Amino acid sequence: MKISILGAGGNIGQRITREAALRKHELHLITSKPISFFGLENTPTTTVDVFDTEALANALKGSDLVISAYAPPLDNPAKLSAASESILAAAKKNAQRLIVVGGAGSLLIGKNELLVDSPNFPEAYKAFAVAHKDALHNIYRKSEGVNWTNVSPAAYIFEGEKTGQFRIGQDNLITNEKGESSISMEDFAVAILDEVDNKQFSNQRFTVGY
């Protein structure tokens, strides 16, 4: 399968790229980093303004599926909304399936409480969590004519090991017996590529955790 990966040079994007390459997918990386950064050969890279929908749609042409690991600027998380709208519109224009890296803040930790609204949620990450929550509810879940999937990590996502041992949920935060919620970036990438192969969560959100 030919896959375009947006934000391939980011922390999560690198892991997605690596896992997709291991599974022998044909890749097209949307990134400002040179291909030597990824240690791959014969893989095209493109730099494109994610907010220019027409240019983005042209860059994504020819791919069967798009994975977006786009992350907004640290000083302006609100840009996620416009970026999400543009990415969704570009995928729709090309009739492509879209898998998007979301956030953990929109996951439920009780019957009606979201993680981002919990008293102990770190203030430094709250604006990003709210941006991801708004993108999920106001953009992806209200979209029509696009086969999308939004993937939320556990509360703590870290650089670690690929174990292949994790759990999948939908709208509730996954925790272990100690109440901890975590996933390595490597296993998060495995779960995303499993979804590429298995197609279990069309027009839905799912989450990954230990």
Protein backbone atom coordinates (compact mmCIF):
# COMPACT_ATOMS: atom_id res chain seq x y z
CA MET A 1 0.00 0.00 0.00
CA LYS A 2 1.22 3.51 -0.75
CA ILE A 3 1.07 5.68 2.37
CA SER A 4 1.75 9.40 2.77
CA ILE A 5 2.89 10.35 6.27
CA LEU A 6 2.44 13.94 7.40
CA GLY A 7 4.79 15.08 10.13
CA ALA A 8 7.07 12.14 9.47
CA GLY A 9 10.04 13.86 11.11
CA GLY A 10 8.41 14.32 14.51
CA ASN A 11 8.88 12.00 17.47
CA ILE A 12 5.77 9.95 16.77
CA GLY A 13 6.00 10.40 12.99
CA GLN A 14 9.46 8.83 12.96
CA ARG A 15 8.17 5.73 14.71
CA ILE A 16 5.19 5.47 12.35
CA THR A 17 7.55 5.81 9.38
CA ARG A 18 9.87 3.12 10.74
CA GLU A 19 7.01 0.67 11.41
CA ALA A 20 5.43 1.31 8.00
CA ALA A 21 8.78 0.70 6.30
CA LEU A 22 9.23 -2.56 8.24
CA ARG A 23 5.86 -3.69 6.89
CA LYS A 24 7.07 -2.96 3.36
CA HIS A 25 4.58 -0.21 2.55
CA GLU A 26 5.49 2.22 -0.19
CA LEU A 27 6.05 5.53 1.57
CA HIS A 28 5.85 9.21 0.71
CA LEU A 29 7.00 11.45 3.55
CA ILE A 30 5.64 14.96 4.02
CA THR A 31 8.49 16.50 5.98
CA SER A 32 11.17 19.19 5.86
CA LYS A 33 13.83 16.67 6.91
CA PRO A 34 16.08 15.00 4.30
CA ILE A 35 15.56 11.32 3.59
CA SER A 36 18.98 10.59 5.13
CA PHE A 37 17.44 11.54 8.49
CA PHE A 38 15.18 8.48 8.29
CA GLY A 39 17.81 6.00 7.11
CA LEU A 40 15.66 5.02 4.14
CA GLU A 41 16.47 4.82 0.45
CA ASN A 42 14.34 5.52 -2.60
CA THR A 43 11.62 7.18 -0.52
CA PRO A 44 10.30 10.50 -1.81
CA THR A 45 9.93 13.44 0.56
CA THR A 46 7.90 16.60 0.04
CA THR A 47 7.77 19.88 1.90
CA VAL A 48 4.32 21.47 1.76
CA ASP A 49 2.35 24.08 3.68
CA VAL A 50 -0.24 22.04 5.57
CA PHE A 51 -2.57 25.06 5.60
CA ASP A 52 -2.58 25.27 1.78
CA THR A 53 -5.24 22.65 1.10
CA GLU A 54 -4.82 22.66 -2.68
CA ALA A 55 -1.05 22.20 -2.47
CA LEU A 56 -1.46 19.54 0.21
CA ALA A 57 -4.01 17.62 -1.84
CA ASN A 58 -1.66 17.68 -4.83
CA ALA A 59 1.22 16.43 -2.66
CA LEU A 60 -0.92 13.55 -1.36
CA LYS A 61 -2.15 12.42 -4.78
CA GLY A 62 -1.40 8.84 -5.66
CA SER A 63 -1.36 7.51 -2.10
CA ASP A 64 -3.91 4.98 -0.91
CA LEU A 65 -3.89 6.24 2.66
CA VAL A 66 -2.71 9.26 4.64
CA ILE A 67 -1.38 9.15 8.21
CA SER A 68 -1.11 12.52 9.94
CA ALA A 69 1.25 12.97 12.88
CA TYR A 70 1.05 16.74 12.50
CA ALA A 71 1.73 18.64 15.72
CA PRO A 72 0.92 22.35 16.08
CA PRO A 73 3.64 24.84 17.08
CA LEU A 74 4.51 24.85 20.77
CA ASP A 75 3.55 28.52 21.01
CA ASN A 76 0.27 28.19 19.10
CA PRO A 77 -1.62 24.92 19.69
CA ALA A 78 -4.80 26.52 18.33
CA LYS A 79 -3.34 26.08 14.84
CA LEU A 80 -4.32 22.42 15.09
CA SER A 81 -7.89 23.32 14.15
CA ALA A 82 -7.04 24.93 10.80
CA ALA A 83 -4.48 22.23 10.06
CA SER A 84 -7.02 19.48 10.77
CA GLU A 85 -9.59 21.08 8.50
CA SER A 86 -7.03 21.37 5.71
CA ILE A 87 -5.76 17.79 6.09
CA LEU A 88 -9.30 16.43 6.15
CA ALA A 89 -10.28 18.45 3.07
CA ALA A 90 -7.17 17.32 1.17
CA ALA A 91 -7.87 13.65 1.95
CA LYS A 92 -11.50 14.10 0.92
CA LYS A 93 -10.47 15.71 -2.35
CA ASN A 94 -8.40 12.62 -3.16
CA ALA A 95 -10.91 10.12 -1.71
CA GLN A 96 -8.22 8.82 0.66
CA ARG A 97 -8.53 7.13 4.01
CA LEU A 98 -7.09 9.29 6.79
CA ILE A 99 -5.60 8.15 10.12
CA VAL A 100 -4.78 10.97 12.53
CA VAL A 101 -2.75 11.08 15.74
CA GLY A 102 -4.96 12.69 18.36
CA GLY A 103 -4.58 13.45 22.05
CA ALA A 104 -5.32 11.71 25.34
CA GLY A 105 -7.14 14.64 26.94
CA SER A 106 -10.45 13.83 25.25
CA LEU A 107 -10.58 10.34 26.79
CA LEU A 108 -13.07 9.58 29.53
CA ILE A 109 -11.84 8.83 33.05
CA GLY A 110 -15.31 8.55 34.54
CA LYS A 111 -18.87 8.45 33.31
CA ASN A 112 -18.86 12.09 32.22
CA GLU A 113 -15.38 13.42 33.02
CA LEU A 114 -12.63 13.91 30.45
CA LEU A 115 -8.98 13.52 31.32
CA VAL A 116 -8.27 17.14 30.34
CA ASP A 117 -10.84 18.33 32.90
CA SER A 118 -9.35 16.37 35.80
CA PRO A 119 -7.79 18.45 38.62
CA ASN A 120 -4.31 16.98 38.16
CA PHE A 121 -4.05 17.47 34.41
CA PRO A 122 -0.75 19.32 33.74
CA GLU A 123 -1.40 22.97 32.92
CA ALA A 124 1.47 23.02 30.40
CA TYR A 125 -0.33 20.50 28.18
CA LYS A 126 -3.89 21.68 28.63
CA ALA A 127 -4.05 23.94 25.55
CA PHE A 128 -2.79 21.10 23.35
CA ALA A 129 -5.27 18.68 24.89
CA VAL A 130 -8.16 21.06 24.32
CA ALA A 131 -7.05 21.62 20.71
CA HIS A 132 -7.03 17.87 20.06
CA LYS A 133 -10.39 17.44 21.79
CA ASP A 134 -11.95 20.20 19.68
CA ALA A 135 -10.51 18.73 16.48
CA LEU A 136 -11.97 15.31 17.29
CA HIS A 137 -15.44 16.53 18.24
CA ASN A 138 -15.88 19.55 15.98
CA ILE A 139 -13.99 18.53 12.85
CA TYR A 140 -13.56 14.77 12.48
CA ARG A 141 -16.79 13.59 14.09
CA LYS A 142 -18.79 16.18 12.13
CA SER A 143 -17.13 15.40 8.79
CA GLU A 144 -18.84 13.68 5.88
CA GLY A 145 -17.44 11.84 2.89
CA VAL A 146 -14.09 10.94 4.47
CA ASN A 147 -13.02 7.62 5.98
CA TRP A 148 -11.15 8.90 9.04
CA THR A 149 -9.72 7.35 12.19
CA ASN A 150 -8.44 9.32 15.18
CA VAL A 151 -5.95 7.59 17.50
CA SER A 152 -5.46 8.74 21.10
CA PRO A 153 -2.37 7.65 23.01
CA ALA A 154 -2.38 6.86 26.72
CA ALA A 155 -1.91 9.75 29.15
CA TYR A 156 1.88 9.29 29.13
CA ILE A 157 3.58 8.52 25.81
CA PHE A 158 7.31 8.01 25.92
CA GLU A 159 10.36 6.95 23.92
CA GLY A 160 10.75 3.29 24.77
CA GLU A 161 10.62 -0.19 23.33
CA LYS A 162 8.47 -2.02 20.84
CA THR A 163 6.83 -4.86 22.75
CA GLY A 164 3.73 -5.57 20.70
CA GLN A 165 1.88 -6.08 23.99
CA PHE A 166 -0.77 -3.42 24.58
CA ARG A 167 -4.50 -2.94 24.87
CA ILE A 168 -6.96 -1.18 22.59
CA GLY A 169 -9.97 0.83 23.74
CA GLN A 170 -12.26 3.46 22.30
CA ASP A 171 -13.31 6.43 24.43
CA ASN A 172 -12.07 5.48 27.90
CA LEU A 173 -8.54 6.03 29.16
CA ILE A 174 -6.66 2.73 29.48
CA THR A 175 -4.93 2.26 32.83
CA ASN A 176 -3.13 -0.59 34.55
CA GLU A 177 -3.90 -2.04 38.00
CA LYS A 178 -2.02 0.86 39.61
CA GLY A 179 -4.07 3.45 37.76
CA GLU A 180 -1.14 4.36 35.48
CA SER A 181 -1.77 5.14 31.81
CA SER A 182 1.17 4.84 29.43
CA ILE A 183 2.33 3.65 26.00
CA SER A 184 5.66 3.80 24.21
CA MET A 185 5.84 5.70 20.94
CA GLU A 186 7.07 2.48 19.36
CA ASP A 187 4.01 0.45 20.40
CA PHE A 188 1.73 3.37 19.54
CA ALA A 189 3.11 3.19 15.99
CA VAL A 190 2.50 -0.57 15.91
CA ALA A 191 -1.15 -0.01 16.84
CA ILE A 192 -1.55 2.60 14.09
CA LEU A 193 -0.08 0.29 11.44
CA ASP A 194 -2.27 -2.54 12.74
CA GLU A 195 -5.23 -0.28 12.04
CA VAL A 196 -3.90 0.36 8.54
CA ASP A 197 -3.94 -3.38 7.96
CA ASN A 198 -7.10 -4.36 9.87
CA LYS A 199 -9.47 -1.41 9.29
CA GLN A 200 -11.39 -1.81 12.56
CA PHE A 201 -12.15 1.80 13.45
CA SER A 202 -13.49 3.59 10.40
CA ASN A 203 -15.00 6.97 11.32
CA GLN A 204 -14.16 6.33 14.98
CA ARG A 205 -11.57 7.13 17.61
CA PHE A 206 -9.58 4.45 19.39
CA THR A 207 -6.91 4.52 22.06
CA VAL A 208 -3.83 2.50 22.95
CA GLY A 209 -2.31 1.74 26.35
CA TYR A 210 -0.64 -0.90 28.48
